[in-house]
Amino acid sequence: MRKSITTGLIALFAIVMCVATVQAQTTPTSGTTGSLTWKYDTGTKTLTISGKGEMPNYDWEHRAPWQEHTQQMLMLVVEEGVTGIGDLAFRGAGNLISVTLSKIVTRIGDNAFAGCWSLPMVTIPAGVTKIGDYAFASCSNLALAPLPAGLQEIGDGAFTWCEKLSAVTIPAGVKKIEPAAFSACSNLQTITVADGNANYVVVDGVLFNKEKTTLVQYPAGRVATSYVIPKEVTSIEHQAFNNSDNL
């Protein structure tokens, strides 16, 4: 009886291994997406995207074609010629540690890098004008390079829960910062606005609209235990004080 059970378990294990092997062999490691091509190197765990034009947007029903490799991926190279990063393109790539983007990228889509919690640094190309909603949400190890001078719009929750982020400078050309863009960044101590910005201002280290009637973001990492909201303020943005544990 014991021998029969053992034999059965061995057979079951062999079947499972065969199925896993077949699945590994049938998971594509290259292909096309819109006008672009992609290739995943299983040895170096590097995804390379090349071609000319905008990357398509993806969603929960229509996922990126490299989705099966996302959780194992260590490096991403978006070659010159690619002009935009699609929605949900690399969401959940929790082991990703290196990102190189095309210098002519102008848009980073919604949730594009959300949940890439191992990513230590990313340089956003100079031509990027829009960072989408939750584009870098929950990138808890991200030490962001300076935002590009040409940036015009920062989406809702774009950098929310980026817990290692300590300082942010809003470029002069930014016209719109959506609510919660820098919320719950527990180490964020300093927010500055570049000279010449016509839409935002920092007062006592806190980000406001130019008229100082809307409190946009309080730096969650400030050591102060109290804060007096200026009398001119008539509204406070959603999650403006999220994770400000010292208050």
C-alpha atoms as a PDB file:
ATOM      1  CA  MET A   1       0.000   0.000   0.000  1.00  0.00           C
ATOM      2  CA  ARG A   2       2.784   2.369   1.005  1.00  0.00           C
ATOM      3  CA  LYS A   3       4.656   1.550  -2.185  1.00  0.00           C
ATOM      4  CA  SER A   4       1.555   2.378  -4.275  1.00  0.00           C
ATOM      5  CA  ILE A   5       1.162   5.778  -2.552  1.00  0.00           C
ATOM      6  CA  THR A   6       4.832   6.576  -3.062  1.00  0.00           C
ATOM      7  CA  THR A   7       4.638   5.604  -6.723  1.00  0.00           C
ATOM      8  CA  GLY A   8       1.533   7.766  -7.137  1.00  0.00           C
ATOM      9  CA  LEU A   9       3.205  10.782  -5.529  1.00  0.00           C
ATOM     10  CA  ILE A  10       6.239  10.405  -7.768  1.00  0.00           C
ATOM     11  CA  ALA A  11       3.996  10.241 -10.824  1.00  0.00           C
ATOM     12  CA  LEU A  12       2.053  13.324  -9.693  1.00  0.00           C
ATOM     13  CA  PHE A  13       5.270  15.226  -9.098  1.00  0.00           C
ATOM     14  CA  ALA A  14       6.517  14.272 -12.561  1.00  0.00           C
ATOM     15  CA  ILE A  15       3.272  15.545 -14.124  1.00  0.00           C
ATOM     16  CA  VAL A  16       3.499  18.853 -12.249  1.00  0.00           C
ATOM     17  CA  MET A  17       7.108  19.334 -13.327  1.00  0.00           C
ATOM     18  CA  CYS A  18       6.207  18.558 -16.936  1.00  0.00           C
ATOM     19  CA  VAL A  19       3.397  21.105 -16.866  1.00  0.00           C
ATOM     20  CA  ALA A  20       5.700  23.730 -15.338  1.00  0.00           C
ATOM     21  CA  THR A  21       8.328  23.019 -17.987  1.00  0.00           C
ATOM     22  CA  VAL A  22       5.804  23.309 -20.809  1.00  0.00           C
ATOM     23  CA  GLN A  23       4.489  26.587 -19.379  1.00  0.00           C
ATOM     24  CA  ALA A  24       8.031  27.976 -19.111  1.00  0.00           C
ATOM     25  CA  GLN A  25       8.727  26.971 -22.690  1.00  0.00           C
ATOM     26  CA  THR A  26       5.496  28.496 -24.004  1.00  0.00           C
ATOM     27  CA  THR A  27       5.765  31.836 -22.157  1.00  0.00           C
ATOM     28  CA  PRO A  28       6.882  34.256 -24.887  1.00  0.00           C
ATOM     29  CA  THR A  29      10.129  36.139 -24.381  1.00  0.00           C
ATOM     30  CA  SER A  30       9.715  38.533 -27.296  1.00  0.00           C
ATOM     31  CA  GLY A  31       7.046  40.117 -29.448  1.00  0.00           C
ATOM     32  CA  THR A  32       5.438  43.358 -30.541  1.00  0.00           C
ATOM     33  CA  THR A  33       3.221  45.887 -28.814  1.00  0.00           C
ATOM     34  CA  GLY A  34       1.784  48.638 -30.963  1.00  0.00           C
ATOM     35  CA  SER A  35       4.632  49.964 -33.093  1.00  0.00           C
ATOM     36  CA  LEU A  36       7.264  48.706 -30.657  1.00  0.00           C
ATOM     37  CA  THR A  37       9.087  45.424 -30.108  1.00  0.00           C
ATOM     38  CA  TRP A  38      10.125  43.844 -26.824  1.00  0.00           C
ATOM     39  CA  LYS A  39      12.546  41.146 -25.730  1.00  0.00           C
ATOM     40  CA  TYR A  40      13.097  39.570 -22.323  1.00  0.00           C
ATOM     41  CA  ASP A  41      16.450  37.984 -21.498  1.00  0.00           C
ATOM     42  CA  THR A  42      15.757  35.213 -18.980  1.00  0.00           C
ATOM     43  CA  GLY A  43      19.447  34.993 -18.072  1.00  0.00           C
ATOM     44  CA  THR A  44      20.038  38.633 -17.115  1.00  0.00           C
ATOM     45  CA  LYS A  45      16.347  39.216 -16.370  1.00  0.00           C
ATOM     46  CA  THR A  46      16.400  42.294 -18.564  1.00  0.00           C
ATOM     47  CA  LEU A  47      13.445  43.633 -20.564  1.00  0.00           C
ATOM     48  CA  THR A  48      14.382  45.691 -23.605  1.00  0.00           C
ATOM     49  CA  ILE A  49      11.819  47.717 -25.541  1.00  0.00           C
ATOM     50  CA  SER A  50      12.721  49.244 -28.878  1.00  0.00           C
ATOM     51  CA  GLY A  51      11.202  50.908 -31.921  1.00  0.00           C
ATOM     52  CA  LYS A  52       9.642  54.271 -32.641  1.00  0.00           C
ATOM     53  CA  GLY A  53       6.508  55.764 -31.186  1.00  0.00           C
ATOM     54  CA  GLU A  54       4.230  55.642 -28.169  1.00  0.00           C
ATOM     55  CA  MET A  55       3.822  52.537 -26.032  1.00  0.00           C
ATOM     56  CA  PRO A  56       0.159  51.427 -25.856  1.00  0.00           C
ATOM     57  CA  ASN A  57      -1.807  51.796 -22.638  1.00  0.00           C
ATOM     58  CA  TYR A  58      -2.591  48.584 -20.782  1.00  0.00           C
ATOM     59  CA  ASP A  59      -5.323  47.767 -18.269  1.00  0.00           C
ATOM     60  CA  TRP A  60      -6.391  44.917 -15.990  1.00  0.00           C
ATOM     61  CA  GLU A  61      -8.068  43.097 -18.873  1.00  0.00           C
ATOM     62  CA  HIS A  62      -5.468  43.837 -21.549  1.00  0.00           C
ATOM     63  CA  ARG A  63      -2.116  43.516 -19.821  1.00  0.00           C
ATOM     64  CA  ALA A  64       1.369  44.202 -21.122  1.00  0.00           C
ATOM     65  CA  PRO A  65       2.668  41.277 -23.204  1.00  0.00           C
ATOM     66  CA  TRP A  66       5.674  40.876 -20.873  1.00  0.00           C
ATOM     67  CA  GLN A  67       3.397  40.539 -17.844  1.00  0.00           C
ATOM     68  CA  GLU A  68       4.552  36.977 -17.070  1.00  0.00           C
ATOM     69  CA  HIS A  69       8.102  38.265 -16.562  1.00  0.00           C
ATOM     70  CA  THR A  70       7.275  41.376 -14.542  1.00  0.00           C
ATOM     71  CA  GLN A  71       7.846  39.922 -11.085  1.00  0.00           C
ATOM     72  CA  GLN A  72      11.231  38.416 -11.990  1.00  0.00           C
ATOM     73  CA  MET A  73      12.547  41.375 -13.992  1.00  0.00           C
ATOM     74  CA  LEU A  74      15.644  43.121 -12.618  1.00  0.00           C
ATOM     75  CA  MET A  75      16.470  45.615 -15.364  1.00  0.00           C
ATOM     76  CA  LEU A  76      14.489  47.645 -17.887  1.00  0.00           C
ATOM     77  CA  VAL A  77      15.887  49.355 -20.969  1.00  0.00           C
ATOM     78  CA  VAL A  78      13.580  51.533 -23.063  1.00  0.00           C
ATOM     79  CA  GLU A  79      15.654  52.370 -26.113  1.00  0.00           C
ATOM     80  CA  GLU A  80      15.818  55.638 -28.016  1.00  0.00           C
ATOM     81  CA  GLY A  81      12.832  56.125 -30.299  1.00  0.00           C
ATOM     82  CA  VAL A  82      10.164  55.256 -27.729  1.00  0.00           C
ATOM     83  CA  THR A  83       8.160  58.397 -26.946  1.00  0.00           C
ATOM     84  CA  GLY A  84       5.817  57.339 -24.137  1.00  0.00           C
ATOM     85  CA  ILE A  85       5.381  54.806 -21.334  1.00  0.00           C
ATOM     86  CA  GLY A  86       1.900  53.213 -21.280  1.00  0.00           C
ATOM     87  CA  ASP A  87      -0.509  52.884 -18.366  1.00  0.00           C
ATOM     88  CA  LEU A  88       0.258  49.879 -16.087  1.00  0.00           C
ATOM     89  CA  ALA A  89       3.282  49.040 -18.231  1.00  0.00           C
ATOM     90  CA  PHE A  90       5.540  47.795 -15.413  1.00  0.00           C
ATOM     91  CA  ARG A  91       3.223  47.805 -12.426  1.00  0.00           C
ATOM     92  CA  GLY A  92       4.191  45.336  -9.718  1.00  0.00           C
ATOM     93  CA  ALA A  93       7.775  44.778 -10.875  1.00  0.00           C
ATOM     94  CA  GLY A  94       8.847  44.385  -7.265  1.00  0.00           C
ATOM     95  CA  ASN A  95      12.406  43.208  -8.038  1.00  0.00           C
ATOM     96  CA  LEU A  96      13.194  45.913 -10.605  1.00  0.00           C
ATOM     97  CA  ILE A  97      16.411  47.714  -9.612  1.00  0.00           C
ATOM     98  CA  SER A  98      17.495  49.514 -12.794  1.00  0.00           C
ATOM     99  CA  VAL A  99      15.538  51.616 -15.301  1.00  0.00           C
ATOM    100  CA  THR A 100      16.924  53.344 -18.394  1.00  0.00           C
ATOM    101  CA  LEU A 101      14.409  55.407 -20.350  1.00  0.00           C
ATOM    102  CA  SER A 102      14.562  56.838 -23.838  1.00  0.00           C
ATOM    103  CA  LYS A 103      15.595  60.489 -23.789  1.00  0.00           C
ATOM    104  CA  ILE A 104      12.617  61.438 -25.976  1.00  0.00           C
ATOM    105  CA  VAL A 105       9.910  60.039 -23.687  1.00  0.00           C
ATOM    106  CA  THR A 106       7.294  62.745 -23.069  1.00  0.00           C
ATOM    107  CA  ARG A 107       4.739  60.867 -20.962  1.00  0.00           C
ATOM    108  CA  ILE A 108       4.782  58.349 -18.132  1.00  0.00           C
ATOM    109  CA  GLY A 109       1.376  56.700 -17.901  1.00  0.00           C
ATOM    110  CA  ASP A 110      -0.929  55.969 -14.976  1.00  0.00           C
ATOM    111  CA  ASN A 111       0.395  53.245 -12.643  1.00  0.00           C
ATOM    112  CA  ALA A 112       3.346  52.745 -14.984  1.00  0.00           C
ATOM    113  CA  PHE A 113       5.818  51.898 -12.198  1.00  0.00           C
ATOM    114  CA  ALA A 114       3.457  51.506  -9.242  1.00  0.00           C
ATOM    115  CA  GLY A 115       4.581  48.864  -6.780  1.00  0.00           C
ATOM    116  CA  CYS A 116       8.204  48.768  -7.971  1.00  0.00           C
ATOM    117  CA  TRP A 117       9.303  48.840  -4.332  1.00  0.00           C
ATOM    118  CA  SER A 118      12.919  47.756  -4.947  1.00  0.00           C
ATOM    119  CA  LEU A 119      13.651  50.524  -7.454  1.00  0.00           C
ATOM    120  CA  PRO A 120      16.317  52.764  -5.877  1.00  0.00           C
ATOM    121  CA  MET A 121      16.538  55.539  -8.474  1.00  0.00           C
ATOM    122  CA  VAL A 122      14.975  56.702 -11.717  1.00  0.00           C
ATOM    123  CA  THR A 123      15.961  59.601 -13.939  1.00  0.00           C
ATOM    124  CA  ILE A 124      12.902  61.041 -15.655  1.00  0.00           C
ATOM    125  CA  PRO A 125      13.849  62.256 -19.163  1.00  0.00           C
ATOM    126  CA  ALA A 126      14.015  65.999 -19.775  1.00  0.00           C
ATOM    127  CA  GLY A 127      11.184  65.898 -22.321  1.00  0.00           C
ATOM    128  CA  VAL A 128       8.553  64.410 -19.983  1.00  0.00           C
ATOM    129  CA  THR A 129       5.634  66.828 -19.632  1.00  0.00           C
ATOM    130  CA  LYS A 130       3.217  64.562 -17.745  1.00  0.00           C
ATOM    131  CA  ILE A 131       3.615  62.019 -14.965  1.00  0.00           C
ATOM    132  CA  GLY A 132       0.391  60.030 -14.718  1.00  0.00           C
ATOM    133  CA  ASP A 133      -1.810  59.087 -11.778  1.00  0.00           C
ATOM    134  CA  TYR A 134      -0.041  56.734  -9.340  1.00  0.00           C
ATOM    135  CA  ALA A 135       2.845  56.437 -11.808  1.00  0.00           C
ATOM    136  CA  PHE A 136       5.383  55.738  -9.025  1.00  0.00           C
ATOM    137  CA  ALA A 137       3.005  54.931  -6.163  1.00  0.00           C
ATOM    138  CA  SER A 138       4.437  52.658  -3.454  1.00  0.00           C
ATOM    139  CA  CYS A 139       7.979  52.828  -4.831  1.00  0.00           C
ATOM    140  CA  SER A 140       9.144  52.730  -1.221  1.00  0.00           C
ATOM    141  CA  ASN A 141      12.905  52.736  -1.956  1.00  0.00           C
ATOM    142  CA  LEU A 142      12.841  55.440  -4.612  1.00  0.00           C
ATOM    143  CA  ALA A 143      15.304  58.307  -4.234  1.00  0.00           C
ATOM    144  CA  LEU A 144      14.026  60.476  -7.060  1.00  0.00           C
ATOM    145  CA  ALA A 145      16.373  62.390  -9.338  1.00  0.00           C
ATOM    146  CA  PRO A 146      15.379  66.025  -9.996  1.00  0.00           C
ATOM    147  CA  LEU A 147      12.093  66.395 -11.861  1.00  0.00           C
ATOM    148  CA  PRO A 148      12.583  67.586 -15.469  1.00  0.00           C
ATOM    149  CA  ALA A 149      12.375  71.309 -16.162  1.00  0.00           C
ATOM    150  CA  GLY A 150       9.736  70.792 -18.872  1.00  0.00           C
ATOM    151  CA  LEU A 151       7.301  68.966 -16.599  1.00  0.00           C
ATOM    152  CA  GLN A 152       3.790  70.441 -16.689  1.00  0.00           C
ATOM    153  CA  GLU A 153       1.518  67.991 -14.854  1.00  0.00           C
ATOM    154  CA  ILE A 154       1.928  65.654 -11.883  1.00  0.00           C
ATOM    155  CA  GLY A 155      -0.930  63.174 -11.549  1.00  0.00           C
ATOM    156  CA  ASP A 156      -3.089  62.111  -8.632  1.00  0.00           C
ATOM    157  CA  GLY A 157      -1.010  60.079  -6.177  1.00  0.00           C
ATOM    158  CA  ALA A 158       1.941  60.077  -8.579  1.00  0.00           C
ATOM    159  CA  PHE A 159       4.516  59.567  -5.795  1.00  0.00           C
ATOM    160  CA  THR A 160       2.271  58.525  -2.918  1.00  0.00           C
ATOM    161  CA  TRP A 161       3.890  56.199  -0.367  1.00  0.00           C
ATOM    162  CA  CYS A 162       7.395  56.807  -1.746  1.00  0.00           C
ATOM    163  CA  GLU A 163       8.709  56.501   1.789  1.00  0.00           C
ATOM    164  CA  LYS A 164      12.381  57.151   1.052  1.00  0.00           C
ATOM    165  CA  LEU A 165      11.729  60.405  -0.781  1.00  0.00           C
ATOM    166  CA  SER A 166      13.240  63.226   1.312  1.00  0.00           C
ATOM    167  CA  ALA A 167      13.132  66.306  -0.918  1.00  0.00           C
ATOM    168  CA  VAL A 168      11.167  67.478  -3.957  1.00  0.00           C
ATOM    169  CA  THR A 169      11.567  70.527  -6.179  1.00  0.00           C
ATOM    170  CA  ILE A 170       8.581  71.516  -8.319  1.00  0.00           C
ATOM    171  CA  PRO A 171       9.883  72.794 -11.684  1.00  0.00           C
ATOM    172  CA  ALA A 172       8.950  76.267 -12.910  1.00  0.00           C
ATOM    173  CA  GLY A 173       6.753  74.971 -15.718  1.00  0.00           C
ATOM    174  CA  VAL A 174       4.417  72.814 -13.632  1.00  0.00           C
ATOM    175  CA  LYS A 175       0.835  73.957 -14.171  1.00  0.00           C
ATOM    176  CA  LYS A 176      -1.082  71.246 -12.346  1.00  0.00           C
ATOM    177  CA  ILE A 177      -0.423  69.055  -9.324  1.00  0.00           C
ATOM    178  CA  GLU A 178      -3.250  66.645  -8.622  1.00  0.00           C
ATOM    179  CA  PRO A 179      -4.258  65.740  -5.041  1.00  0.00           C
ATOM    180  CA  ALA A 180      -2.084  63.316  -3.055  1.00  0.00           C
ATOM    181  CA  ALA A 181       0.798  63.584  -5.536  1.00  0.00           C
ATOM    182  CA  PHE A 182       3.323  63.375  -2.672  1.00  0.00           C
ATOM    183  CA  SER A 183       1.115  62.056   0.114  1.00  0.00           C
ATOM    184  CA  ALA A 184       2.295  59.550   2.750  1.00  0.00           C
ATOM    185  CA  CYS A 185       5.968  60.135   1.888  1.00  0.00           C
ATOM    186  CA  SER A 186       7.013  59.666   5.494  1.00  0.00           C
ATOM    187  CA  ASN A 187      10.582  60.961   5.015  1.00  0.00           C
ATOM    188  CA  LEU A 188       9.688  63.964   2.863  1.00  0.00           C
ATOM    189  CA  GLN A 189      10.980  66.989   4.765  1.00  0.00           C
ATOM    190  CA  THR A 190      11.549  69.586   2.079  1.00  0.00           C
ATOM    191  CA  ILE A 191       9.353  70.849  -0.763  1.00  0.00           C
ATOM    192  CA  THR A 192      10.593  73.725  -2.890  1.00  0.00           C
ATOM    193  CA  VAL A 193       9.214  75.455  -5.972  1.00  0.00           C
ATOM    194  CA  ALA A 194      11.549  76.684  -8.696  1.00  0.00           C
ATOM    195  CA  ASP A 195      11.692  80.418  -9.357  1.00  0.00           C
ATOM    196  CA  GLY A 196       9.237  81.563 -11.987  1.00  0.00           C
ATOM    197  CA  ASN A 197       6.463  79.049 -11.306  1.00  0.00           C
ATOM    198  CA  ALA A 198       3.179  80.859 -11.892  1.00  0.00           C
ATOM    199  CA  ASN A 199       0.938  78.304 -10.190  1.00  0.00           C
ATOM    200  CA  TYR A 200       2.501  77.128  -6.923  1.00  0.00           C
ATOM    201  CA  VAL A 201       4.377  78.537  -3.958  1.00  0.00           C
ATOM    202  CA  VAL A 202       5.944  77.210  -0.765  1.00  0.00           C
ATOM    203  CA  VAL A 203       5.271  78.996   2.517  1.00  0.00           C
ATOM    204  CA  ASP A 204       7.051  77.802   5.650  1.00  0.00           C
ATOM    205  CA  GLY A 205       7.957  74.590   3.836  1.00  0.00           C
ATOM    206  CA  VAL A 206       4.356  73.781   2.858  1.00  0.00           C
ATOM    207  CA  LEU A 207       3.079  73.662  -0.729  1.00  0.00           C
ATOM    208  CA  PHE A 208       0.194  75.958  -1.733  1.00  0.00           C
ATOM    209  CA  ASN A 209      -1.424  77.189  -4.906  1.00  0.00           C
ATOM    210  CA  LYS A 210      -0.170  80.615  -6.008  1.00  0.00           C
ATOM    211  CA  GLU A 211      -3.054  82.429  -4.323  1.00  0.00           C
ATOM    212  CA  LYS A 212      -2.301  80.586  -1.064  1.00  0.00           C
ATOM    213  CA  THR A 213      -5.949  79.605  -0.726  1.00  0.00           C
ATOM    214  CA  THR A 214      -5.385  75.854  -1.174  1.00  0.00           C
ATOM    215  CA  LEU A 215      -2.998  73.844   0.940  1.00  0.00           C
ATOM    216  CA  VAL A 216      -1.676  71.269  -1.533  1.00  0.00           C
ATOM    217  CA  GLN A 217       0.868  69.230   0.447  1.00  0.00           C
ATOM    218  CA  TYR A 218       2.346  69.232   3.914  1.00  0.00           C
ATOM    219  CA  PRO A 219       5.716  67.367   3.974  1.00  0.00           C
ATOM    220  CA  ALA A 220       4.926  64.258   6.009  1.00  0.00           C
ATOM    221  CA  GLY A 221       8.492  63.884   7.275  1.00  0.00           C
ATOM    222  CA  ARG A 222       8.703  67.253   9.005  1.00  0.00           C
ATOM    223  CA  VAL A 223       9.742  67.013  12.632  1.00  0.00           C
ATOM    224  CA  ALA A 224       7.384  69.764  13.793  1.00  0.00           C
ATOM    225  CA  THR A 225       4.697  68.613  16.210  1.00  0.00           C
ATOM    226  CA  SER A 226       2.242  71.386  15.327  1.00  0.00           C
ATOM    227  CA  TYR A 227       1.242  73.524  12.369  1.00  0.00           C
ATOM    228  CA  VAL A 228      -1.028  76.543  12.097  1.00  0.00           C
ATOM    229  CA  ILE A 229      -2.955  76.668   8.827  1.00  0.00           C
ATOM    230  CA  PRO A 230      -2.823  80.224   7.401  1.00  0.00           C
ATOM    231  CA  LYS A 231      -6.049  82.176   7.617  1.00  0.00           C
ATOM    232  CA  GLU A 232      -6.138  82.670   3.823  1.00  0.00           C
ATOM    233  CA  VAL A 233      -6.647  78.946   3.234  1.00  0.00           C
ATOM    234  CA  THR A 234     -10.157  77.977   2.124  1.00  0.00           C
ATOM    235  CA  SER A 235      -9.479  74.372   1.073  1.00  0.00           C
ATOM    236  CA  ILE A 236      -7.108  71.512   1.843  1.00  0.00           C
ATOM    237  CA  GLU A 237      -6.265  68.962  -0.832  1.00  0.00           C
ATOM    238  CA  HIS A 238      -7.118  65.294  -0.350  1.00  0.00           C
ATOM    239  CA  GLN A 239      -4.462  63.480   1.762  1.00  0.00           C
ATOM    240  CA  ALA A 240      -2.439  66.675   2.237  1.00  0.00           C
ATOM    241  CA  PHE A 241      -1.485  65.571   5.777  1.00  0.00           C
ATOM    242  CA  ASN A 242      -1.444  61.801   5.208  1.00  0.00           C
ATOM    243  CA  ASN A 243       1.202  59.975   7.286  1.00  0.00           C
ATOM    244  CA  SER A 244       2.391  63.157   9.019  1.00  0.00           C
ATOM    245  CA  ASP A 245       3.021  61.184  12.190  1.00  0.00           C
ATOM    246  CA  ASN A 246       4.934  63.920  14.033  1.00  0.00           C
ATOM    247  CA  LEU A 247       1.960  66.264  14.113  1.00  0.00           C
END
